[in-house]
PDB file of N, CA and C in Angstrom:
ATOM      1  N   ARG A   1     122.179  60.073 -23.008  1.00  0.00           N
ATOM      2  CA  ARG A   1     121.038  59.741 -22.160  1.00  0.00           C
ATOM      3  C   ARG A   1     120.258  58.547 -22.695  1.00  0.00           C
ATOM      4  N   GLY A   2     120.597  58.077 -23.845  1.00  0.00           N
ATOM      5  CA  GLY A   2     119.967  56.880 -24.362  1.00  0.00           C
ATOM      6  C   GLY A   2     118.758  57.108 -25.239  1.00  0.00           C
ATOM      7  N   ASP A   3     118.181  58.293 -25.215  1.00  0.00           N
ATOM      8  CA  ASP A   3     117.027  58.596 -26.058  1.00  0.00           C
ATOM      9  C   ASP A   3     117.494  59.616 -27.089  1.00  0.00           C
ATOM     10  N   TYR A   4     118.200  59.146 -28.101  1.00  0.00           N
ATOM     11  CA  TYR A   4     118.908  60.007 -29.031  1.00  0.00           C
ATOM     12  C   TYR A   4     118.020  61.039 -29.710  1.00  0.00           C
ATOM     13  N   ALA A   5     116.843  60.646 -30.131  1.00  0.00           N
ATOM     14  CA  ALA A   5     115.965  61.579 -30.844  1.00  0.00           C
ATOM     15  C   ALA A   5     115.333  62.593 -29.902  1.00  0.00           C
ATOM     16  N   ALA A   6     114.926  62.156 -28.725  1.00  0.00           N
ATOM     17  CA  ALA A   6     114.181  63.023 -27.816  1.00  0.00           C
ATOM     18  C   ALA A   6     115.042  64.081 -27.134  1.00  0.00           C
ATOM     19  N   ASP A   7     116.319  63.783 -26.880  1.00  0.00           N
ATOM     20  CA  ASP A   7     117.120  64.778 -26.151  1.00  0.00           C
ATOM     21  C   ASP A   7     117.728  65.836 -27.065  1.00  0.00           C
ATOM     22  N   GLY A   8     117.615  65.666 -28.369  1.00  0.00           N
ATOM     23  CA  GLY A   8     118.071  66.690 -29.299  1.00  0.00           C
ATOM     24  C   GLY A   8     119.540  66.627 -29.660  1.00  0.00           C
ATOM     25  N   PHE A   9     120.258  65.624 -29.166  1.00  0.00           N
ATOM     26  CA  PHE A   9     121.688  65.499 -29.449  1.00  0.00           C
ATOM     27  C   PHE A   9     121.962  64.155 -30.102  1.00  0.00           C
ATOM     28  N   ALA A  10     122.449  64.174 -31.327  1.00  0.00           N
ATOM     29  CA  ALA A  10     122.786  62.926 -32.010  1.00  0.00           C
ATOM     30  C   ALA A  10     124.107  62.357 -31.492  1.00  0.00           C
ATOM     31  N   TYR A  11     124.977  63.231 -30.998  1.00  0.00           N
ATOM     32  CA  TYR A  11     126.267  62.807 -30.464  1.00  0.00           C
ATOM     33  C   TYR A  11     126.453  63.462 -29.099  1.00  0.00           C
ATOM     34  N   THR A  12     127.573  64.129 -28.878  1.00  0.00           N
ATOM     35  CA  THR A  12     127.816  64.759 -27.578  1.00  0.00           C
ATOM     36  C   THR A  12     126.931  65.991 -27.401  1.00  0.00           C
ATOM     37  N   SER A  13     126.646  66.292 -26.146  1.00  0.00           N
ATOM     38  CA  SER A  13     125.824  67.464 -25.834  1.00  0.00           C
ATOM     39  C   SER A  13     126.703  68.573 -25.263  1.00  0.00           C
ATOM     40  N   GLU A  14     126.194  69.784 -25.266  1.00  0.00           N
ATOM     41  CA  GLU A  14     126.896  70.918 -24.658  1.00  0.00           C
ATOM     42  C   GLU A  14     127.034  70.683 -23.153  1.00  0.00           C
ATOM     43  N   VAL A  15     128.108  71.164 -22.570  1.00  0.00           N
ATOM     44  CA  VAL A  15     128.301  71.067 -21.129  1.00  0.00           C
ATOM     45  C   VAL A  15     127.136  71.749 -20.425  1.00  0.00           C
ATOM     46  N   GLY A  16     126.580  71.100 -19.410  1.00  0.00           N
ATOM     47  CA  GLY A  16     125.481  71.671 -18.642  1.00  0.00           C
ATOM     48  C   GLY A  16     124.122  71.551 -19.304  1.00  0.00           C
ATOM     49  N   SER A  17     123.972  70.676 -20.287  1.00  0.00           N
ATOM     50  CA  SER A  17     122.683  70.513 -20.971  1.00  0.00           C
ATOM     51  C   SER A  17     121.642  69.823 -20.098  1.00  0.00           C
ATOM     52  N   TYR A  18     122.087  69.116 -19.085  1.00  0.00           N
ATOM     53  CA  TYR A  18     121.183  68.389 -18.199  1.00  0.00           C
ATOM     54  C   TYR A  18     121.351  68.902 -16.776  1.00  0.00           C
ATOM     55  N   PHE A  19     120.426  68.559 -15.911  1.00  0.00           N
ATOM     56  CA  PHE A  19     120.491  68.976 -14.517  1.00  0.00           C
ATOM     57  C   PHE A  19     121.703  68.347 -13.830  1.00  0.00           C
ATOM     58  N   PRO A  20     122.230  68.992 -12.786  1.00  0.00           N
ATOM     59  CA  PRO A  20     123.361  68.415 -12.049  1.00  0.00           C
ATOM     60  C   PRO A  20     122.907  67.218 -11.218  1.00  0.00           C
ATOM     61  N   ASN A  21     123.886  66.441 -10.747  1.00  0.00           N
ATOM     62  CA  ASN A  21     123.559  65.334  -9.855  1.00  0.00           C
ATOM     63  C   ASN A  21     123.320  65.863  -8.437  1.00  0.00           C
ATOM     64  N   ASP A  22     123.149  64.975  -7.480  1.00  0.00           N
ATOM     65  CA  ASP A  22     122.840  65.375  -6.104  1.00  0.00           C
ATOM     66  C   ASP A  22     123.976  66.143  -5.424  1.00  0.00           C
ATOM     67  N   PHE A  23     125.169  66.101  -5.984  1.00  0.00           N
ATOM     68  CA  PHE A  23     126.305  66.841  -5.441  1.00  0.00           C
ATOM     69  C   PHE A  23     126.503  68.178  -6.145  1.00  0.00           C
ATOM     70  N   GLY A  24     125.639  68.488  -7.102  1.00  0.00           N
ATOM     71  CA  GLY A  24     125.743  69.731  -7.849  1.00  0.00           C
ATOM     72  C   GLY A  24     126.730  69.674  -9.000  1.00  0.00           C
ATOM     73  N   LEU A  25     127.158  68.481  -9.363  1.00  0.00           N
ATOM     74  CA  LEU A  25     128.139  68.307 -10.436  1.00  0.00           C
ATOM     75  C   LEU A  25     127.439  67.986 -11.749  1.00  0.00           C
ATOM     76  N   TYR A  26     127.927  68.572 -12.811  1.00  0.00           N
ATOM     77  CA  TYR A  26     127.347  68.368 -14.136  1.00  0.00           C
ATOM     78  C   TYR A  26     128.166  67.358 -14.941  1.00  0.00           C
ATOM     79  N   ASP A  27     127.475  66.611 -15.776  1.00  0.00           N
ATOM     80  CA  ASP A  27     128.104  65.798 -16.826  1.00  0.00           C
ATOM     81  C   ASP A  27     129.149  64.811 -16.311  1.00  0.00           C
ATOM     82  N   MET A  28     128.856  64.168 -15.197  1.00  0.00           N
ATOM     83  CA  MET A  28     129.818  63.221 -14.644  1.00  0.00           C
ATOM     84  C   MET A  28     129.791  61.865 -15.339  1.00  0.00           C
ATOM     85  N   ALA A  29     128.729  61.541 -16.033  1.00  0.00           N
ATOM     86  CA  ALA A  29     128.648  60.248 -16.717  1.00  0.00           C
ATOM     87  C   ALA A  29     127.720  60.358 -17.914  1.00  0.00           C
ATOM     88  N   GLY A  30     128.086  59.671 -18.978  1.00  0.00           N
ATOM     89  CA  GLY A  30     127.172  59.488 -20.086  1.00  0.00           C
ATOM     90  C   GLY A  30     127.374  60.338 -21.320  1.00  0.00           C
ATOM     91  N   ASN A  31     128.047  61.451 -21.243  1.00  0.00           N
ATOM     92  CA  ASN A  31     128.226  62.275 -22.437  1.00  0.00           C
ATOM     93  C   ASN A  31     129.401  61.741 -23.261  1.00  0.00           C
ATOM     94  N   VAL A  32     130.580  61.745 -22.690  1.00  0.00           N
ATOM     95  CA  VAL A  32     131.742  61.124 -23.322  1.00  0.00           C
ATOM     96  C   VAL A  32     132.476  60.280 -22.284  1.00  0.00           C
ATOM     97  N   SER A  33     133.145  59.240 -22.738  1.00  0.00           N
ATOM     98  CA  SER A  33     134.024  58.478 -21.858  1.00  0.00           C
ATOM     99  C   SER A  33     135.236  59.355 -21.561  1.00  0.00           C
ATOM    100  N   GLU A  34     135.897  59.083 -20.442  1.00  0.00           N
ATOM    101  CA  GLU A  34     136.968  59.975 -19.989  1.00  0.00           C
ATOM    102  C   GLU A  34     138.353  59.372 -20.206  1.00  0.00           C
ATOM    103  N   TRP A  35     139.198  60.090 -20.968  1.00  0.00           N
ATOM    104  CA  TRP A  35     140.599  59.692 -21.103  1.00  0.00           C
ATOM    105  C   TRP A  35     141.258  59.797 -19.740  1.00  0.00           C
ATOM    106  N   CYS A  36     142.099  58.846 -19.404  1.00  0.00           N
ATOM    107  CA  CYS A  36     142.912  58.922 -18.192  1.00  0.00           C
ATOM    108  C   CYS A  36     144.377  58.866 -18.606  1.00  0.00           C
ATOM    109  N   ASP A  37     145.241  59.353 -17.759  1.00  0.00           N
ATOM    110  CA  ASP A  37     146.668  59.404 -18.072  1.00  0.00           C
ATOM    111  C   ASP A  37     147.360  58.067 -17.834  1.00  0.00           C
ATOM    112  N   ASP A  38     146.658  57.113 -17.265  1.00  0.00           N
ATOM    113  CA  ASP A  38     147.254  55.833 -16.902  1.00  0.00           C
ATOM    114  C   ASP A  38     147.413  54.905 -18.097  1.00  0.00           C
ATOM    115  N   ALA A  39     148.529  54.182 -18.130  1.00  0.00           N
ATOM    116  CA  ALA A  39     148.708  53.121 -19.114  1.00  0.00           C
ATOM    117  C   ALA A  39     147.742  51.994 -18.755  1.00  0.00           C
ATOM    118  N   TYR A  40     147.189  51.349 -19.747  1.00  0.00           N
ATOM    119  CA  TYR A  40     146.193  50.302 -19.534  1.00  0.00           C
ATOM    120  C   TYR A  40     146.857  48.990 -19.129  1.00  0.00           C
ATOM    121  N   MET A  41     146.266  48.317 -18.152  1.00  0.00           N
ATOM    122  CA  MET A  41     146.638  46.959 -17.752  1.00  0.00           C
ATOM    123  C   MET A  41     145.371  46.128 -17.814  1.00  0.00           C
ATOM    124  N   GLU A  42     145.490  44.874 -18.249  1.00  0.00           N
ATOM    125  CA  GLU A  42     144.318  43.998 -18.316  1.00  0.00           C
ATOM    126  C   GLU A  42     143.635  43.905 -16.958  1.00  0.00           C
ATOM    127  N   ALA A  43     144.408  43.676 -15.909  1.00  0.00           N
ATOM    128  CA  ALA A  43     143.865  43.560 -14.557  1.00  0.00           C
ATOM    129  C   ALA A  43     144.230  44.815 -13.783  1.00  0.00           C
ATOM    130  N   SER A  44     143.238  45.477 -13.218  1.00  0.00           N
ATOM    131  CA  SER A  44     143.507  46.700 -12.457  1.00  0.00           C
ATOM    132  C   SER A  44     143.796  46.410 -10.995  1.00  0.00           C
ATOM    133  N   VAL A  45     143.717  45.161 -10.571  1.00  0.00           N
ATOM    134  CA  VAL A  45     143.895  44.797  -9.166  1.00  0.00           C
ATOM    135  C   VAL A  45     145.214  45.291  -8.580  1.00  0.00           C
ATOM    136  N   PRO A  46     146.352  45.217  -9.286  1.00  0.00           N
ATOM    137  CA  PRO A  46     147.612  45.664  -8.674  1.00  0.00           C
ATOM    138  C   PRO A  46     147.639  47.132  -8.263  1.00  0.00           C
ATOM    139  N   VAL A  47     146.780  47.981  -8.815  1.00  0.00           N
ATOM    140  CA  VAL A  47     146.837  49.403  -8.486  1.00  0.00           C
ATOM    141  C   VAL A  47     145.621  49.909  -7.727  1.00  0.00           C
ATOM    142  N   VAL A  48     144.635  49.061  -7.425  1.00  0.00           N
ATOM    143  CA  VAL A  48     143.415  49.560  -6.785  1.00  0.00           C
ATOM    144  C   VAL A  48     143.572  49.838  -5.299  1.00  0.00           C
ATOM    145  N   TRP A  49     144.649  49.433  -4.683  1.00  0.00           N
ATOM    146  CA  TRP A  49     144.844  49.695  -3.269  1.00  0.00           C
ATOM    147  C   TRP A  49     145.121  51.160  -3.007  1.00  0.00           C
ATOM    148  N   ASP A  50     145.543  51.898  -4.004  1.00  0.00           N
ATOM    149  CA  ASP A  50     145.880  53.310  -3.865  1.00  0.00           C
ATOM    150  C   ASP A  50     144.635  54.169  -4.079  1.00  0.00           C
ATOM    151  N   LEU A  51     144.509  55.262  -3.332  1.00  0.00           N
ATOM    152  CA  LEU A  51     143.367  56.164  -3.466  1.00  0.00           C
ATOM    153  C   LEU A  51     143.304  56.783  -4.857  1.00  0.00           C
ATOM    154  N   ASN A  52     144.431  57.178  -5.392  1.00  0.00           N
ATOM    155  CA  ASN A  52     144.492  57.768  -6.729  1.00  0.00           C
ATOM    156  C   ASN A  52     145.627  57.091  -7.496  1.00  0.00           C
ATOM    157  N   PRO A  53     145.378  55.844  -7.936  1.00  0.00           N
ATOM    158  CA  PRO A  53     146.467  55.098  -8.563  1.00  0.00           C
ATOM    159  C   PRO A  53     146.866  55.670  -9.915  1.00  0.00           C
ATOM    160  N   THR A  54     148.130  55.572 -10.202  1.00  0.00           N
ATOM    161  CA  THR A  54     148.615  55.931 -11.533  1.00  0.00           C
ATOM    162  C   THR A  54     149.448  54.768 -12.041  1.00  0.00           C
ATOM    163  N   ASN A  55     149.483  54.617 -13.311  1.00  0.00           N
ATOM    164  CA  ASN A  55     150.277  53.558 -13.916  1.00  0.00           C
ATOM    165  C   ASN A  55     151.024  54.144 -15.105  1.00  0.00           C
ATOM    166  N   PRO A  56     152.076  54.902 -14.838  1.00  0.00           N
ATOM    167  CA  PRO A  56     152.834  55.478 -15.949  1.00  0.00           C
ATOM    168  C   PRO A  56     153.696  54.402 -16.609  1.00  0.00           C
ATOM    169  N   ASP A  57     153.572  54.250 -17.896  1.00  0.00           N
ATOM    170  CA  ASP A  57     154.383  53.298 -18.650  1.00  0.00           C
ATOM    171  C   ASP A  57     154.523  53.844 -20.068  1.00  0.00           C
ATOM    172  N   ASP A  58     155.649  54.453 -20.350  1.00  0.00           N
ATOM    173  CA  ASP A  58     155.867  55.081 -21.657  1.00  0.00           C
ATOM    174  C   ASP A  58     155.876  54.082 -22.810  1.00  0.00           C
ATOM    175  N   ASN A  59     156.080  52.804 -22.502  1.00  0.00           N
ATOM    176  CA  ASN A  59     156.114  51.781 -23.547  1.00  0.00           C
ATOM    177  C   ASN A  59     154.743  51.207 -23.864  1.00  0.00           C
ATOM    178  N   GLU A  60     153.718  51.579 -23.114  1.00  0.00           N
ATOM    179  CA  GLU A  60     152.360  51.079 -23.332  1.00  0.00           C
ATOM    180  C   GLU A  60     151.556  52.132 -24.084  1.00  0.00           C
ATOM    181  N   PRO A  61     151.183  51.875 -25.347  1.00  0.00           N
ATOM    182  CA  PRO A  61     150.452  52.867 -26.144  1.00  0.00           C
ATOM    183  C   PRO A  61     148.966  52.961 -25.810  1.00  0.00           C
ATOM    184  N   ARG A  62     148.456  52.014 -25.006  1.00  0.00           N
ATOM    185  CA  ARG A  62     147.036  52.049 -24.648  1.00  0.00           C
ATOM    186  C   ARG A  62     146.848  52.850 -23.362  1.00  0.00           C
ATOM    187  N   LYS A  63     145.842  53.715 -23.349  1.00  0.00           N
ATOM    188  CA  LYS A  63     145.518  54.506 -22.160  1.00  0.00           C
ATOM    189  C   LYS A  63     144.133  54.118 -21.654  1.00  0.00           C
ATOM    190  N   VAL A  64     143.938  54.224 -20.351  1.00  0.00           N
ATOM    191  CA  VAL A  64     142.659  53.876 -19.731  1.00  0.00           C
ATOM    192  C   VAL A  64     141.580  54.865 -20.157  1.00  0.00           C
ATOM    193  N   VAL A  65     140.408  54.338 -20.451  1.00  0.00           N
ATOM    194  CA  VAL A  65     139.210  55.125 -20.739  1.00  0.00           C
ATOM    195  C   VAL A  65     138.156  54.667 -19.747  1.00  0.00           C
ATOM    196  N   ARG A  66     137.570  55.614 -18.994  1.00  0.00           N
ATOM    197  CA  ARG A  66     136.617  55.250 -17.943  1.00  0.00           C
ATOM    198  C   ARG A  66     135.234  55.791 -18.254  1.00  0.00           C
ATOM    199  N   GLY A  67     134.240  55.067 -17.750  1.00  0.00           N
ATOM    200  CA  GLY A  67     132.855  55.497 -17.893  1.00  0.00           C
ATOM    201  C   GLY A  67     132.327  55.305 -19.299  1.00  0.00           C
ATOM    202  N   GLY A  68     131.057  55.586 -19.468  1.00  0.00           N
ATOM    203  CA  GLY A  68     130.403  55.405 -20.755  1.00  0.00           C
ATOM    204  C   GLY A  68     130.176  56.715 -21.469  1.00  0.00           C
ATOM    205  N   SER A  69     129.653  56.610 -22.669  1.00  0.00           N
ATOM    206  CA  SER A  69     129.410  57.792 -23.490  1.00  0.00           C
ATOM    207  C   SER A  69     128.026  57.718 -24.110  1.00  0.00           C
ATOM    208  N   TRP A  70     127.749  58.667 -24.984  1.00  0.00           N
ATOM    209  CA  TRP A  70     126.460  58.740 -25.668  1.00  0.00           C
ATOM    210  C   TRP A  70     126.184  57.501 -26.506  1.00  0.00           C
ATOM    211  N   LYS A  71     127.193  56.755 -26.910  1.00  0.00           N
ATOM    212  CA  LYS A  71     126.992  55.609 -27.791  1.00  0.00           C
ATOM    213  C   LYS A  71     126.822  54.286 -27.040  1.00  0.00           C
ATOM    214  N   ASP A  72     127.015  54.291 -25.722  1.00  0.00           N
ATOM    215  CA  ASP A  72     127.033  53.048 -24.959  1.00  0.00           C
ATOM    216  C   ASP A  72     125.676  52.655 -24.397  1.00  0.00           C
ATOM    217  N   ILE A  73     125.560  51.363 -24.089  1.00  0.00           N
ATOM    218  CA  ILE A  73     124.374  50.871 -23.395  1.00  0.00           C
ATOM    219  C   ILE A  73     124.495  51.231 -21.917  1.00  0.00           C
ATOM    220  N   GLN A  74     123.417  51.092 -21.178  1.00  0.00           N
ATOM    221  CA  GLN A  74     123.342  51.534 -19.784  1.00  0.00           C
ATOM    222  C   GLN A  74     124.455  50.960 -18.913  1.00  0.00           C
ATOM    223  N   TYR A  75     124.819  49.716 -19.105  1.00  0.00           N
ATOM    224  CA  TYR A  75     125.840  49.073 -18.279  1.00  0.00           C
ATOM    225  C   TYR A  75     127.136  49.887 -18.236  1.00  0.00           C
ATOM    226  N   PHE A  76     127.554  50.428 -19.349  1.00  0.00           N
ATOM    227  CA  PHE A  76     128.828  51.135 -19.433  1.00  0.00           C
ATOM    228  C   PHE A  76     128.764  52.576 -18.944  1.00  0.00           C
ATOM    229  N   LEU A  77     127.583  53.073 -18.597  1.00  0.00           N
ATOM    230  CA  LEU A  77     127.460  54.468 -18.171  1.00  0.00           C
ATOM    231  C   LEU A  77     127.936  54.717 -16.750  1.00  0.00           C
ATOM    232  N   GLU A  78     128.260  53.680 -16.007  1.00  0.00           N
ATOM    233  CA  GLU A  78     128.805  53.861 -14.665  1.00  0.00           C
ATOM    234  C   GLU A  78     130.240  54.371 -14.768  1.00  0.00           C
ATOM    235  N   THR A  79     130.611  55.263 -13.871  1.00  0.00           N
ATOM    236  CA  THR A  79     131.949  55.860 -13.935  1.00  0.00           C
ATOM    237  C   THR A  79     133.057  54.857 -13.644  1.00  0.00           C
ATOM    238  N   GLY A  80     132.735  53.732 -13.042  1.00  0.00           N
ATOM    239  CA  GLY A  80     133.747  52.732 -12.707  1.00  0.00           C
ATOM    240  C   GLY A  80     134.115  51.789 -13.831  1.00  0.00           C
ATOM    241  N   THR A  81     133.362  51.775 -14.909  1.00  0.00           N
ATOM    242  CA  THR A  81     133.729  50.879 -16.006  1.00  0.00           C
ATOM    243  C   THR A  81     134.999  51.387 -16.671  1.00  0.00           C
ATOM    244  N   ARG A  82     135.810  50.458 -17.146  1.00  0.00           N
ATOM    245  CA  ARG A  82     137.085  50.855 -17.748  1.00  0.00           C
ATOM    246  C   ARG A  82     137.358  50.041 -18.994  1.00  0.00           C
ATOM    247  N   ASN A  83     138.046  50.667 -19.915  1.00  0.00           N
ATOM    248  CA  ASN A  83     138.450  50.046 -21.155  1.00  0.00           C
ATOM    249  C   ASN A  83     139.729  50.753 -21.595  1.00  0.00           C
ATOM    250  N   PHE A  84     140.111  50.647 -22.842  1.00  0.00           N
ATOM    251  CA  PHE A  84     141.303  51.349 -23.305  1.00  0.00           C
ATOM    252  C   PHE A  84     141.099  51.855 -24.721  1.00  0.00           C
ATOM    253  N   GLU A  85     141.930  52.785 -25.080  1.00  0.00           N
ATOM    254  CA  GLU A  85     142.035  53.241 -26.461  1.00  0.00           C
ATOM    255  C   GLU A  85     143.502  53.596 -26.673  1.00  0.00           C
ATOM    256  N   TYR A  86     143.962  53.484 -27.900  1.00  0.00           N
ATOM    257  CA  TYR A  86     145.351  53.830 -28.199  1.00  0.00           C
ATOM    258  C   TYR A  86     145.527  55.344 -28.128  1.00  0.00           C
ATOM    259  N   GLN A  87     146.629  55.772 -27.512  1.00  0.00           N
ATOM    260  CA  GLN A  87     146.836  57.191 -27.221  1.00  0.00           C
ATOM    261  C   GLN A  87     146.960  58.066 -28.458  1.00  0.00           C
ATOM    262  N   ASP A  88     147.179  57.479 -29.616  1.00  0.00           N
ATOM    263  CA  ASP A  88     147.259  58.283 -30.833  1.00  0.00           C
ATOM    264  C   ASP A  88     145.953  58.271 -31.628  1.00  0.00           C
ATOM    265  N   SER A  89     144.873  57.834 -30.987  1.00  0.00           N
ATOM    266  CA  SER A  89     143.560  57.758 -31.642  1.00  0.00           C
ATOM    267  C   SER A  89     142.645  58.864 -31.145  1.00  0.00           C
ATOM    268  N   SER A  90     141.704  59.239 -31.966  1.00  0.00           N
ATOM    269  CA  SER A  90     140.660  60.164 -31.510  1.00  0.00           C
ATOM    270  C   SER A  90     139.313  59.533 -31.828  1.00  0.00           C
ATOM    271  N   ARG A  91     138.357  59.747 -30.939  1.00  0.00           N
ATOM    272  CA  ARG A  91     137.022  59.191 -31.088  1.00  0.00           C
ATOM    273  C   ARG A  91     136.009  60.255 -30.684  1.00  0.00           C
ATOM    274  N   SER A  92     134.855  60.241 -31.318  1.00  0.00           N
ATOM    275  CA  SER A  92     133.815  61.226 -31.003  1.00  0.00           C
ATOM    276  C   SER A  92     133.190  60.979 -29.641  1.00  0.00           C
ATOM    277  N   TYR A  93     133.442  59.856 -29.048  1.00  0.00           N
ATOM    278  CA  TYR A  93     132.823  59.488 -27.774  1.00  0.00           C
ATOM    279  C   TYR A  93     133.809  59.492 -26.607  1.00  0.00           C
ATOM    280  N   ILE A  94     135.025  60.008 -26.804  1.00  0.00           N
ATOM    281  CA  ILE A  94     136.010  60.086 -25.727  1.00  0.00           C
ATOM    282  C   ILE A  94     136.438  61.536 -25.551  1.00  0.00           C
ATOM    283  N   GLY A  95     136.488  61.984 -24.298  1.00  0.00           N
ATOM    284  CA  GLY A  95     136.920  63.339 -23.989  1.00  0.00           C
ATOM    285  C   GLY A  95     137.760  63.339 -22.731  1.00  0.00           C
ATOM    286  N   PHE A  96     137.943  64.493 -22.132  1.00  0.00           N
ATOM    287  CA  PHE A  96     138.688  64.585 -20.889  1.00  0.00           C
ATOM    288  C   PHE A  96     138.026  65.607 -19.989  1.00  0.00           C
ATOM    289  N   ARG A  97     138.335  65.520 -18.716  1.00  0.00           N
ATOM    290  CA  ARG A  97     137.743  66.405 -17.721  1.00  0.00           C
ATOM    291  C   ARG A  97     138.782  67.424 -17.279  1.00  0.00           C
ATOM    292  N   CYS A  98     138.450  68.686 -17.396  1.00  0.00           N
ATOM    293  CA  CYS A  98     139.330  69.752 -16.911  1.00  0.00           C
ATOM    294  C   CYS A  98     139.098  69.924 -15.417  1.00  0.00           C
ATOM    295  N   SER A  99     140.149  70.071 -14.666  1.00  0.00           N
ATOM    296  CA  SER A  99     140.005  70.286 -13.230  1.00  0.00           C
ATOM    297  C   SER A  99     141.115  71.213 -12.756  1.00  0.00           C
ATOM    298  N   MET A 100     140.890  71.813 -11.607  1.00  0.00           N
ATOM    299  CA  MET A 100     141.895  72.695 -11.032  1.00  0.00           C
ATOM    300  C   MET A 100     141.678  72.804  -9.532  1.00  0.00           C
ATOM    301  N   ILE A 101     142.698  73.220  -8.831  1.00  0.00           N
ATOM    302  CA  ILE A 101     142.598  73.483  -7.405  1.00  0.00           C
ATOM    303  C   ILE A 101     141.866  74.798  -7.230  1.00  0.00           C
ATOM    304  N   GLN A 102     141.030  74.875  -6.194  1.00  0.00           N
ATOM    305  CA  GLN A 102     140.281  76.107  -5.965  1.00  0.00           C
ATOM    306  C   GLN A 102     141.240  77.252  -5.667  1.00  0.00           C
ATOM    307  N   ILE A 103     141.115  78.329  -6.396  1.00  0.00           N
ATOM    308  CA  ILE A 103     141.985  79.488  -6.234  1.00  0.00           C
ATOM    309  C   ILE A 103     141.621  80.233  -4.951  1.00  0.00           C
ATOM    310  N   GLY A 104     142.628  80.702  -4.233  1.00  0.00           N
ATOM    311  CA  GLY A 104     142.390  81.492  -3.037  1.00  0.00           C
ATOM    312  C   GLY A 104     142.301  80.682  -1.760  1.00  0.00           C
ATOM    313  N   MET A 105     142.636  79.415  -1.798  1.00  0.00           N
ATOM    314  CA  MET A 105     142.556  78.581  -0.604  1.00  0.00           C
ATOM    315  C   MET A 105     143.949  78.409   0.003  1.00  0.00           C
ATOM    316  N   GLY A 106     144.579  79.514   0.370  1.00  0.00           N
ATOM    317  CA  GLY A 106     145.914  79.478   0.952  1.00  0.00           C
ATOM    318  C   GLY A 106     145.885  79.109   2.421  1.00  0.00           C
ATOM    319  N   THR A 107     147.046  79.173   3.069  1.00  0.00           N
ATOM    320  CA  THR A 107     147.152  78.804   4.478  1.00  0.00           C
ATOM    321  C   THR A 107     146.689  79.916   5.410  1.00  0.00           C
ATOM    322  N   ASN A 108     146.470  81.120   4.912  1.00  0.00           N
ATOM    323  CA  ASN A 108     146.091  82.250   5.766  1.00  0.00           C
ATOM    324  C   ASN A 108     144.594  82.544   5.699  1.00  0.00           C
ATOM    325  N   ARG A 109     143.763  81.536   5.543  1.00  0.00           N
ATOM    326  CA  ARG A 109     142.324  81.743   5.388  1.00  0.00           C
ATOM    327  C   ARG A 109     141.679  82.421   6.591  1.00  0.00           C
ATOM    328  N   GLY A 110     142.222  82.203   7.778  1.00  0.00           N
ATOM    329  CA  GLY A 110     141.578  82.738   8.969  1.00  0.00           C
ATOM    330  C   GLY A 110     142.017  84.142   9.359  1.00  0.00           C
ATOM    331  N   LEU A 111     142.939  84.727   8.662  1.00  0.00           N
ATOM    332  CA  LEU A 111     143.447  86.047   9.011  1.00  0.00           C
ATOM    333  C   LEU A 111     142.509  87.147   8.527  1.00  0.00           C
ATOM    334  N   ASN A 112     142.316  88.158   9.375  1.00  0.00           N
ATOM    335  CA  ASN A 112     141.529  89.328   8.968  1.00  0.00           C
ATOM    336  C   ASN A 112     142.460  90.326   8.303  1.00  0.00           C
ATOM    337  N   ARG A 113     141.999  90.927   7.248  1.00  0.00           N
ATOM    338  CA  ARG A 113     142.839  91.897   6.545  1.00  0.00           C
ATOM    339  C   ARG A 113     142.118  93.182   6.405  1.00  0.00           C
TER     340      ARG A 113
END
């Protein structure tokens, strides 16, 4: 959040430490930068036409890192900023987002049982 002493966290904070955004989502920006599975390219233009672009390249050791973290200035806190880190590295300011498909959303939602 940029005010290291006042928020009580010198580094990363616990999930849900701050209020959610207007969509009810927690921790979407600013706690840790997000590892992505995509191989890094200097220019992202070739893949931005796709809604969910992927760039698998087993020969590229750099992976995309998006958004900012607790250590960054305000400019980098936007979720659209991108950089890279080597896939065999670990950093206190990089993490990943767990996600899953909503359970119970089958094709028979309208049937009475």
